[in-house]
Amino acid sequence: MKPSFLFVSTAAAALLTAAAFIVTTAAQVPQGVQDVTSNPPPQPRTFPAPTNLKVLPRELTGEQVHHLMEQWTASLGTHCNSCHAEDRENIGPDGRPLLNFAADSKPMKAVARTMFTMTEEINTKYVASIDNSGVPVTCGTCHRGHLGPEPFVTAPDKRASSPQVQSPSSDSSTSHEENANR
């Protein structure tokens, strides 16, 4: 009597597993078939070829320049419109003007070019001449996420805050001339 109960239990478990598999498989939408009510997948982003490159290498692609600009904005804690002017005649899908990346109308763009030239010079003339230096100077080296670099402040010297102990040689009975000869 026990062997038949074991057979029935095993058969029931197999049937339940098969039913669960069939329901799960039937509920899935096959790959490549898309529900017409859902949004289409986003189009891959394209980056136009850069123009008006004055300090960056001219052979950079639009994607490379975009990646570099993202690094700069993060290093400086700023946004694209700090250096790039709005093009009021070119409106984006969100109804806001797009940026004219080639325009030189913002003074901050000239500053960025000067700073880029400076870091390149530091890296090629000085950092490269140090054996095993390895780490180049970047915008983030000084700016650390702030448009204006934070001034460096040294930590207070712990020795200066402790009480001064007079040495035996500074006894007031010792002449100035004797101290000078020590």
N, C-alpha and C. Protein backbone atom coordinates (compact mmCIF):
# COMPACT_ATOMS: atom_id res chain seq x y z
N MET A 1 0.82 -1.18 0.00
CA MET A 1 0.00 0.00 0.00
C MET A 1 0.87 1.26 0.00
N LYS A 2 1.97 1.19 0.67
CA LYS A 2 2.86 2.34 0.70
C LYS A 2 3.52 2.60 -0.65
N PRO A 3 3.95 1.57 -1.41
CA PRO A 3 4.56 1.85 -2.70
C PRO A 3 3.61 2.57 -3.66
N SER A 4 2.32 2.28 -3.66
CA SER A 4 1.40 2.95 -4.57
C SER A 4 1.21 4.42 -4.16
N PHE A 5 1.25 4.69 -2.85
CA PHE A 5 1.14 6.08 -2.37
C PHE A 5 2.35 6.89 -2.84
N LEU A 6 3.52 6.27 -2.79
CA LEU A 6 4.74 6.92 -3.25
C LEU A 6 4.65 7.20 -4.74
N PHE A 7 4.11 6.25 -5.52
CA PHE A 7 3.94 6.44 -6.96
C PHE A 7 2.99 7.59 -7.25
N VAL A 8 1.87 7.68 -6.51
CA VAL A 8 0.88 8.73 -6.72
C VAL A 8 1.49 10.09 -6.36
N SER A 9 2.25 10.15 -5.29
CA SER A 9 2.88 11.40 -4.88
C SER A 9 3.88 11.88 -5.93
N THR A 10 4.68 10.97 -6.44
CA THR A 10 5.67 11.32 -7.44
C THR A 10 4.98 11.77 -8.73
N ALA A 11 3.94 11.09 -9.12
CA ALA A 11 3.20 11.44 -10.33
C ALA A 11 2.54 12.80 -10.17
N ALA A 12 1.98 13.09 -8.99
CA ALA A 12 1.34 14.39 -8.75
C ALA A 12 2.36 15.51 -8.81
N ALA A 13 3.54 15.27 -8.22
CA ALA A 13 4.60 16.29 -8.25
C ALA A 13 5.05 16.55 -9.68
N ALA A 14 5.19 15.50 -10.47
CA ALA A 14 5.60 15.65 -11.87
C ALA A 14 4.56 16.43 -12.66
N LEU A 15 3.27 16.11 -12.43
CA LEU A 15 2.20 16.83 -13.12
C LEU A 15 2.17 18.31 -12.74
N LEU A 16 2.33 18.60 -11.46
CA LEU A 16 2.35 19.99 -11.00
C LEU A 16 3.54 20.76 -11.60
N THR A 17 4.69 20.13 -11.64
CA THR A 17 5.87 20.77 -12.23
C THR A 17 5.65 21.03 -13.72
N ALA A 18 5.10 20.06 -14.44
CA ALA A 18 4.83 20.24 -15.87
C ALA A 18 3.81 21.34 -16.10
N ALA A 19 2.78 21.40 -15.27
CA ALA A 19 1.75 22.43 -15.41
C ALA A 19 2.35 23.82 -15.16
N ALA A 20 3.19 23.93 -14.14
CA ALA A 20 3.84 25.22 -13.83
C ALA A 20 4.73 25.65 -14.99
N PHE A 21 5.45 24.69 -15.58
CA PHE A 21 6.32 25.00 -16.70
C PHE A 21 5.51 25.49 -17.90
N ILE A 22 4.40 24.83 -18.19
CA ILE A 22 3.56 25.21 -19.34
C ILE A 22 2.96 26.60 -19.13
N VAL A 23 2.47 26.87 -17.92
CA VAL A 23 1.87 28.18 -17.65
C VAL A 23 2.92 29.28 -17.76
N THR A 24 4.09 29.04 -17.20
CA THR A 24 5.16 30.04 -17.25
C THR A 24 5.60 30.29 -18.68
N THR A 25 5.79 29.25 -19.45
CA THR A 25 6.22 29.39 -20.84
C THR A 25 5.16 30.09 -21.68
N ALA A 26 3.92 29.76 -21.50
CA ALA A 26 2.85 30.36 -22.29
C ALA A 26 2.68 31.85 -21.96
N ALA A 27 2.99 32.23 -20.73
CA ALA A 27 2.82 33.63 -20.31
C ALA A 27 3.91 34.53 -20.85
N GLN A 28 5.02 33.96 -21.27
CA GLN A 28 6.12 34.78 -21.76
C GLN A 28 5.90 35.19 -23.20
N VAL A 29 6.26 36.45 -23.51
CA VAL A 29 6.18 36.93 -24.88
C VAL A 29 7.47 36.51 -25.58
N PRO A 30 7.37 35.92 -26.76
CA PRO A 30 8.58 35.51 -27.46
C PRO A 30 9.49 36.71 -27.74
N GLN A 31 10.80 36.45 -27.77
CA GLN A 31 11.77 37.48 -28.07
C GLN A 31 11.49 38.03 -29.46
N GLY A 32 11.64 39.32 -29.62
CA GLY A 32 11.43 39.95 -30.92
C GLY A 32 10.01 40.41 -31.14
N VAL A 33 9.05 39.89 -30.39
CA VAL A 33 7.67 40.34 -30.50
C VAL A 33 7.46 41.40 -29.42
N GLN A 34 7.00 42.57 -29.84
CA GLN A 34 6.85 43.66 -28.90
C GLN A 34 5.40 44.09 -28.83
N ASP A 35 4.96 44.36 -27.64
CA ASP A 35 3.60 44.85 -27.43
C ASP A 35 3.50 46.24 -28.05
N VAL A 36 2.49 46.48 -28.86
CA VAL A 36 2.34 47.77 -29.53
C VAL A 36 1.99 48.89 -28.57
N THR A 37 1.53 48.57 -27.38
CA THR A 37 1.19 49.62 -26.42
C THR A 37 2.39 50.11 -25.65
N SER A 38 3.52 49.37 -25.66
CA SER A 38 4.70 49.82 -24.91
C SER A 38 5.51 50.79 -25.76
N ASN A 39 6.39 51.53 -25.09
CA ASN A 39 7.25 52.49 -25.79
C ASN A 39 8.32 51.76 -26.58
N PRO A 40 8.68 52.29 -27.74
CA PRO A 40 9.76 51.67 -28.51
C PRO A 40 11.08 51.85 -27.78
N PRO A 41 12.05 50.96 -28.02
CA PRO A 41 13.34 51.12 -27.35
C PRO A 41 14.00 52.43 -27.79
N PRO A 42 14.78 53.04 -26.91
CA PRO A 42 15.43 54.30 -27.29
C PRO A 42 16.45 54.07 -28.39
N GLN A 43 16.53 55.04 -29.27
CA GLN A 43 17.49 54.97 -30.36
C GLN A 43 18.89 55.17 -29.80
N PRO A 44 19.89 54.49 -30.37
CA PRO A 44 21.25 54.71 -29.89
C PRO A 44 21.65 56.16 -30.14
N ARG A 45 22.37 56.73 -29.20
CA ARG A 45 22.74 58.13 -29.28
C ARG A 45 23.86 58.31 -30.30
N THR A 46 23.73 59.33 -31.11
CA THR A 46 24.78 59.64 -32.08
C THR A 46 25.39 60.97 -31.72
N PHE A 47 26.65 61.13 -32.04
CA PHE A 47 27.38 62.36 -31.74
C PHE A 47 27.96 62.89 -33.04
N PRO A 48 27.56 64.09 -33.42
CA PRO A 48 28.08 64.63 -34.68
C PRO A 48 29.58 64.89 -34.58
N ALA A 49 30.21 64.91 -35.74
CA ALA A 49 31.65 65.20 -35.78
C ALA A 49 31.90 66.59 -35.19
N PRO A 50 32.89 66.73 -34.33
CA PRO A 50 33.14 68.03 -33.71
C PRO A 50 33.68 69.04 -34.73
N THR A 51 33.35 70.28 -34.49
CA THR A 51 33.88 71.38 -35.32
C THR A 51 34.47 72.42 -34.38
N ASN A 52 35.32 73.26 -34.89
CA ASN A 52 35.94 74.36 -34.15
C ASN A 52 36.81 73.85 -32.99
N LEU A 53 37.52 72.75 -33.21
CA LEU A 53 38.46 72.28 -32.19
C LEU A 53 39.74 73.09 -32.32
N LYS A 54 40.08 73.82 -31.27
CA LYS A 54 41.28 74.66 -31.32
C LYS A 54 42.43 74.10 -30.49
N VAL A 55 42.14 73.38 -29.40
CA VAL A 55 43.21 72.80 -28.59
C VAL A 55 43.11 71.28 -28.50
N LEU A 56 41.95 70.73 -28.72
CA LEU A 56 41.79 69.27 -28.72
C LEU A 56 42.26 68.71 -30.05
N PRO A 57 42.76 67.48 -30.07
CA PRO A 57 43.19 66.88 -31.33
C PRO A 57 42.02 66.81 -32.32
N ARG A 58 42.27 67.22 -33.54
CA ARG A 58 41.22 67.28 -34.57
C ARG A 58 40.71 65.91 -35.00
N GLU A 59 41.46 64.86 -34.72
CA GLU A 59 41.02 63.52 -35.14
C GLU A 59 40.05 62.87 -34.15
N LEU A 60 39.71 63.55 -33.06
CA LEU A 60 38.75 63.00 -32.10
C LEU A 60 37.37 62.88 -32.74
N THR A 61 36.68 61.79 -32.41
CA THR A 61 35.31 61.61 -32.90
C THR A 61 34.34 62.39 -32.00
N GLY A 62 33.12 62.53 -32.45
CA GLY A 62 32.11 63.19 -31.65
C GLY A 62 31.89 62.49 -30.32
N GLU A 63 31.90 61.16 -30.33
CA GLU A 63 31.72 60.40 -29.10
C GLU A 63 32.89 60.60 -28.14
N GLN A 64 34.11 60.66 -28.67
CA GLN A 64 35.28 60.90 -27.81
C GLN A 64 35.23 62.29 -27.17
N VAL A 65 34.86 63.29 -27.95
CA VAL A 65 34.76 64.65 -27.41
C VAL A 65 33.66 64.69 -26.35
N HIS A 66 32.53 64.03 -26.62
CA HIS A 66 31.44 64.01 -25.66
C HIS A 66 31.90 63.37 -24.34
N HIS A 67 32.61 62.27 -24.43
CA HIS A 67 33.12 61.59 -23.23
C HIS A 67 34.08 62.50 -22.45
N LEU A 68 34.96 63.18 -23.16
CA LEU A 68 35.90 64.11 -22.52
C LEU A 68 35.15 65.26 -21.83
N MET A 69 34.13 65.79 -22.50
CA MET A 69 33.34 66.88 -21.91
C MET A 69 32.61 66.41 -20.64
N GLU A 70 32.14 65.17 -20.64
CA GLU A 70 31.50 64.63 -19.44
C GLU A 70 32.50 64.55 -18.29
N GLN A 71 33.73 64.17 -18.58
CA GLN A 71 34.77 64.13 -17.55
C GLN A 71 35.03 65.54 -17.01
N TRP A 72 35.10 66.51 -17.89
CA TRP A 72 35.36 67.89 -17.46
C TRP A 72 34.22 68.43 -16.61
N THR A 73 32.98 68.18 -17.02
CA THR A 73 31.86 68.70 -16.23
C THR A 73 31.84 68.08 -14.84
N ALA A 74 32.18 66.80 -14.74
CA ALA A 74 32.24 66.15 -13.42
C ALA A 74 33.39 66.71 -12.59
N SER A 75 34.54 66.92 -13.22
CA SER A 75 35.71 67.43 -12.50
C SER A 75 35.51 68.86 -12.02
N LEU A 76 34.70 69.62 -12.76
CA LEU A 76 34.50 71.03 -12.44
C LEU A 76 33.18 71.31 -11.73
N GLY A 77 32.33 70.30 -11.60
CA GLY A 77 31.04 70.51 -10.94
C GLY A 77 30.18 71.51 -11.68
N THR A 78 30.20 71.45 -12.99
CA THR A 78 29.48 72.42 -13.81
C THR A 78 28.65 71.69 -14.87
N HIS A 79 28.07 72.44 -15.78
CA HIS A 79 27.25 71.86 -16.84
C HIS A 79 27.72 72.38 -18.19
N CYS A 80 27.24 71.75 -19.25
CA CYS A 80 27.65 72.10 -20.62
C CYS A 80 27.45 73.59 -20.92
N ASN A 81 26.34 74.16 -20.41
CA ASN A 81 26.03 75.55 -20.75
C ASN A 81 26.96 76.56 -20.06
N SER A 82 27.91 76.10 -19.28
CA SER A 82 28.91 77.02 -18.73
C SER A 82 29.84 77.52 -19.83
N CYS A 83 30.15 76.65 -20.77
CA CYS A 83 31.05 77.02 -21.87
C CYS A 83 30.33 77.17 -23.22
N HIS A 84 29.20 76.48 -23.38
CA HIS A 84 28.52 76.44 -24.67
C HIS A 84 27.24 77.26 -24.63
N ALA A 85 27.07 78.12 -25.64
CA ALA A 85 25.92 79.02 -25.72
C ALA A 85 24.69 78.30 -26.29
N GLU A 86 23.52 78.79 -25.90
CA GLU A 86 22.28 78.27 -26.46
C GLU A 86 22.12 78.73 -27.90
N ASP A 87 21.54 77.85 -28.71
CA ASP A 87 21.22 78.19 -30.09
C ASP A 87 19.70 78.35 -30.14
N ARG A 88 19.23 79.56 -29.98
CA ARG A 88 17.79 79.83 -29.86
C ARG A 88 17.02 79.50 -31.14
N GLU A 89 17.71 79.31 -32.24
CA GLU A 89 17.04 78.96 -33.49
C GLU A 89 16.96 77.44 -33.69
N ASN A 90 17.55 76.69 -32.76
CA ASN A 90 17.56 75.24 -32.86
C ASN A 90 16.96 74.68 -31.56
N ILE A 91 15.68 74.34 -31.62
CA ILE A 91 14.93 73.90 -30.44
C ILE A 91 14.90 72.37 -30.38
N GLY A 92 15.17 71.83 -29.20
CA GLY A 92 15.20 70.39 -29.00
C GLY A 92 13.81 69.82 -28.79
N PRO A 93 13.70 68.50 -28.69
CA PRO A 93 12.40 67.85 -28.52
C PRO A 93 11.69 68.23 -27.22
N ASP A 94 12.46 68.72 -26.24
CA ASP A 94 11.85 69.13 -24.97
C ASP A 94 11.38 70.58 -24.99
N GLY A 95 11.54 71.25 -26.15
CA GLY A 95 11.10 72.64 -26.28
C GLY A 95 12.14 73.66 -25.83
N ARG A 96 13.30 73.21 -25.42
CA ARG A 96 14.36 74.12 -24.98
C ARG A 96 15.41 74.24 -26.07
N PRO A 97 16.10 75.38 -26.14
CA PRO A 97 17.14 75.54 -27.17
C PRO A 97 18.29 74.55 -26.96
N LEU A 98 18.78 74.04 -28.06
CA LEU A 98 19.97 73.18 -28.02
C LEU A 98 21.20 74.05 -27.85
N LEU A 99 22.32 73.44 -27.53
CA LEU A 99 23.57 74.20 -27.38
C LEU A 99 24.33 74.22 -28.70
N ASN A 100 24.97 75.34 -28.95
CA ASN A 100 25.83 75.49 -30.13
C ASN A 100 27.26 75.23 -29.66
N PHE A 101 27.71 74.01 -29.83
CA PHE A 101 29.01 73.62 -29.30
C PHE A 101 30.18 74.30 -30.02
N ALA A 102 29.99 74.70 -31.26
CA ALA A 102 31.08 75.33 -32.02
C ALA A 102 31.25 76.81 -31.70
N ALA A 103 30.24 77.45 -31.17
CA ALA A 103 30.30 78.90 -30.91
C ALA A 103 31.35 79.22 -29.85
N ASP A 104 32.02 80.35 -30.03
CA ASP A 104 33.03 80.83 -29.08
C ASP A 104 32.56 82.05 -28.30
N SER A 105 31.25 82.22 -28.15
CA SER A 105 30.71 83.44 -27.55
C SER A 105 30.83 83.52 -26.03
N LYS A 106 31.06 82.42 -25.36
CA LYS A 106 31.15 82.44 -23.90
C LYS A 106 32.61 82.50 -23.46
N PRO A 107 32.94 83.46 -22.59
CA PRO A 107 34.33 83.59 -22.12
C PRO A 107 34.85 82.34 -21.40
N MET A 108 33.98 81.59 -20.76
CA MET A 108 34.41 80.39 -20.04
C MET A 108 35.01 79.34 -20.98
N LYS A 109 34.60 79.36 -22.24
CA LYS A 109 35.16 78.41 -23.19
C LYS A 109 36.64 78.72 -23.44
N ALA A 110 36.98 79.99 -23.50
CA ALA A 110 38.38 80.38 -23.66
C ALA A 110 39.19 79.98 -22.43
N VAL A 111 38.60 80.14 -21.26
CA VAL A 111 39.27 79.72 -20.02
C VAL A 111 39.50 78.21 -20.04
N ALA A 112 38.51 77.46 -20.46
CA ALA A 112 38.65 76.00 -20.52
C ALA A 112 39.78 75.60 -21.48
N ARG A 113 39.87 76.27 -22.60
CA ARG A 113 40.95 75.97 -23.55
C ARG A 113 42.32 76.27 -22.94
N THR A 114 42.41 77.39 -22.23
CA THR A 114 43.68 77.76 -21.58
C THR A 114 44.05 76.73 -20.51
N MET A 115 43.08 76.32 -19.72
CA MET A 115 43.34 75.36 -18.66
C MET A 115 43.71 74.00 -19.24
N PHE A 116 43.06 73.59 -20.33
CA PHE A 116 43.42 72.33 -20.98
C PHE A 116 44.86 72.38 -21.48
N THR A 117 45.23 73.50 -22.11
CA THR A 117 46.59 73.67 -22.60
C THR A 117 47.58 73.61 -21.44
N MET A 118 47.24 74.22 -20.32
CA MET A 118 48.11 74.20 -19.14
C MET A 118 48.32 72.77 -18.64
N THR A 119 47.23 72.00 -18.49
CA THR A 119 47.38 70.64 -17.97
C THR A 119 48.16 69.75 -18.95
N GLU A 120 47.96 69.96 -20.23
CA GLU A 120 48.73 69.19 -21.21
C GLU A 120 50.21 69.52 -21.11
N GLU A 121 50.53 70.80 -20.93
CA GLU A 121 51.93 71.21 -20.79
C GLU A 121 52.54 70.63 -19.51
N ILE A 122 51.81 70.67 -18.42
CA ILE A 122 52.30 70.10 -17.16
C ILE A 122 52.58 68.61 -17.34
N ASN A 123 51.66 67.92 -17.99
CA ASN A 123 51.83 66.48 -18.17
C ASN A 123 52.98 66.11 -19.11
N THR A 124 53.12 66.86 -20.20
CA THR A 124 54.16 66.50 -21.17
C THR A 124 55.54 67.00 -20.76
N LYS A 125 55.62 68.19 -20.17
CA LYS A 125 56.93 68.74 -19.81
C LYS A 125 57.43 68.27 -18.45
N TYR A 126 56.54 68.12 -17.51
CA TYR A 126 56.99 67.88 -16.14
C TYR A 126 56.64 66.48 -15.63
N VAL A 127 55.39 66.11 -15.65
CA VAL A 127 54.99 64.81 -15.11
C VAL A 127 55.65 63.68 -15.90
N ALA A 128 55.70 63.81 -17.20
CA ALA A 128 56.29 62.75 -18.04
C ALA A 128 57.79 62.59 -17.78
N SER A 129 58.44 63.62 -17.26
CA SER A 129 59.88 63.52 -17.01
C SER A 129 60.20 62.87 -15.67
N ILE A 130 59.18 62.57 -14.89
CA ILE A 130 59.38 61.91 -13.59
C ILE A 130 59.17 60.42 -13.78
N ASP A 131 60.19 59.64 -13.46
CA ASP A 131 60.08 58.18 -13.60
C ASP A 131 58.94 57.65 -12.75
N ASN A 132 58.13 56.79 -13.33
CA ASN A 132 57.03 56.10 -12.63
C ASN A 132 56.01 57.06 -12.00
N SER A 133 55.85 58.25 -12.59
CA SER A 133 54.86 59.18 -12.02
C SER A 133 53.46 58.63 -12.23
N GLY A 134 53.17 58.10 -13.41
CA GLY A 134 51.94 57.38 -13.67
C GLY A 134 50.65 58.16 -13.71
N VAL A 135 50.45 59.12 -12.84
CA VAL A 135 49.16 59.79 -12.74
C VAL A 135 49.25 61.17 -13.37
N PRO A 136 48.49 61.41 -14.45
CA PRO A 136 48.55 62.73 -15.07
C PRO A 136 47.73 63.76 -14.29
N VAL A 137 48.04 65.00 -14.50
CA VAL A 137 47.27 66.10 -13.93
C VAL A 137 46.02 66.27 -14.79
N THR A 138 44.87 66.39 -14.15
CA THR A 138 43.60 66.61 -14.85
C THR A 138 42.90 67.81 -14.23
N CYS A 139 41.76 68.17 -14.76
CA CYS A 139 40.96 69.25 -14.17
C CYS A 139 40.64 68.92 -12.71
N GLY A 140 40.31 67.65 -12.47
CA GLY A 140 39.93 67.23 -11.13
C GLY A 140 41.06 67.26 -10.12
N THR A 141 42.31 67.28 -10.59
CA THR A 141 43.44 67.33 -9.66
C THR A 141 43.33 68.54 -8.75
N CYS A 142 42.97 69.67 -9.32
CA CYS A 142 42.85 70.91 -8.52
C CYS A 142 41.40 71.24 -8.18
N HIS A 143 40.52 71.09 -9.13
CA HIS A 143 39.13 71.54 -8.94
C HIS A 143 38.32 70.61 -8.04
N ARG A 144 38.53 69.32 -8.14
CA ARG A 144 37.86 68.34 -7.29
C ARG A 144 36.34 68.55 -7.21
N GLY A 145 35.73 68.75 -8.38
CA GLY A 145 34.28 68.88 -8.45
C GLY A 145 33.74 70.27 -8.20
N HIS A 146 34.62 71.27 -8.13
CA HIS A 146 34.19 72.66 -7.91
C HIS A 146 34.72 73.54 -9.03
N LEU A 147 33.91 74.48 -9.47
CA LEU A 147 34.34 75.36 -10.55
C LEU A 147 35.58 76.15 -10.16
N GLY A 148 35.57 76.71 -8.96
CA GLY A 148 36.76 77.39 -8.44
C GLY A 148 37.50 76.42 -7.56
N PRO A 149 38.80 76.21 -7.82
CA PRO A 149 39.52 75.24 -6.99
C PRO A 149 39.52 75.65 -5.52
N GLU A 150 39.38 74.67 -4.66
CA GLU A 150 39.40 74.92 -3.23
C GLU A 150 40.84 75.22 -2.80
N PRO A 151 41.04 76.27 -2.00
CA PRO A 151 42.41 76.54 -1.54
C PRO A 151 42.89 75.43 -0.59
N PHE A 152 44.14 75.12 -0.70
CA PHE A 152 44.73 74.10 0.17
C PHE A 152 45.07 74.74 1.51
N VAL A 153 44.61 74.13 2.57
CA VAL A 153 44.90 74.62 3.92
C VAL A 153 45.60 73.49 4.66
N THR A 154 46.77 73.79 5.18
CA THR A 154 47.49 72.75 5.91
C THR A 154 46.84 72.51 7.26
N ALA A 155 46.99 71.32 7.75
CA ALA A 155 46.46 70.98 9.07
C ALA A 155 47.30 71.70 10.12
N PRO A 156 46.69 72.11 11.21
CA PRO A 156 47.47 72.80 12.25
C PRO A 156 48.55 71.87 12.80
N ASP A 157 49.70 72.45 13.07
CA ASP A 157 50.82 71.70 13.60
C ASP A 157 50.55 71.40 15.07
N LYS A 158 50.49 70.13 15.40
CA LYS A 158 50.19 69.74 16.78
C LYS A 158 51.29 70.18 17.74
N ARG A 159 52.51 70.25 17.25
CA ARG A 159 53.61 70.66 18.13
C ARG A 159 53.48 72.13 18.51
N ALA A 160 52.96 72.94 17.63
CA ALA A 160 52.83 74.37 17.90
C ALA A 160 51.78 74.64 18.96
N SER A 161 50.80 73.75 19.09
CA SER A 161 49.73 73.99 20.05
C SER A 161 50.08 73.51 21.45
N SER A 162 51.17 72.70 21.59
CA SER A 162 51.56 72.23 22.92
C SER A 162 52.39 73.31 23.61
N PRO A 163 52.37 73.35 24.94
CA PRO A 163 53.13 74.39 25.66
C PRO A 163 54.62 74.26 25.38
N GLN A 164 55.28 75.38 25.24
CA GLN A 164 56.71 75.41 24.97
C GLN A 164 57.48 75.06 26.24
N VAL A 165 58.43 74.18 26.11
CA VAL A 165 59.29 73.79 27.23
C VAL A 165 60.62 74.48 27.04
N GLN A 166 61.07 75.17 28.08
CA GLN A 166 62.35 75.85 27.97
C GLN A 166 63.48 74.85 28.17
N SER A 167 64.43 74.93 27.30
CA SER A 167 65.58 74.06 27.44
C SER A 167 66.54 74.67 28.46
N PRO A 168 67.36 73.85 29.08
CA PRO A 168 68.30 74.38 30.06
C PRO A 168 69.26 75.38 29.45
N SER A 169 69.52 75.30 28.16
CA SER A 169 70.48 76.23 27.55
C SER A 169 69.89 77.63 27.40
N SER A 170 68.60 77.78 27.55
CA SER A 170 68.01 79.09 27.39
C SER A 170 67.87 79.81 28.73
N ASP A 171 68.66 79.40 29.68
CA ASP A 171 68.66 80.03 31.00
C ASP A 171 69.00 81.50 30.84
N SER A 172 68.30 82.34 31.55
CA SER A 172 68.50 83.78 31.43
C SER A 172 69.86 84.22 31.93
N SER A 173 70.54 83.39 32.74
CA SER A 173 71.86 83.78 33.24
C SER A 173 72.93 83.58 32.17
N THR A 174 72.62 82.79 31.12
CA THR A 174 73.57 82.56 30.04
C THR A 174 73.54 83.77 29.13
N SER A 175 74.67 84.23 28.79
CA SER A 175 74.74 85.43 27.94
C SER A 175 74.32 85.10 26.52
N HIS A 176 73.92 86.14 25.82
CA HIS A 176 73.54 86.00 24.42
C HIS A 176 74.72 85.49 23.61
N GLU A 177 75.89 85.94 23.93
CA GLU A 177 77.10 85.54 23.22
C GLU A 177 77.39 84.06 23.44
N GLU A 178 77.15 83.55 24.63
CA GLU A 178 77.41 82.14 24.90
C GLU A 178 76.42 81.26 24.11
N ASN A 179 75.15 81.68 24.03
CA ASN A 179 74.14 80.95 23.26
C ASN A 179 74.53 80.88 21.78
N ALA A 180 75.05 81.97 21.27
CA ALA A 180 75.42 82.04 19.87
C ALA A 180 76.56 81.08 19.55
N ASN A 181 77.42 80.83 20.55
CA ASN A 181 78.58 79.95 20.31
C ASN A 181 78.23 78.47 20.49
N ARG A 182 77.12 78.14 20.96
CA ARG A 182 76.77 76.73 21.21
C ARG A 182 76.47 75.98 19.95
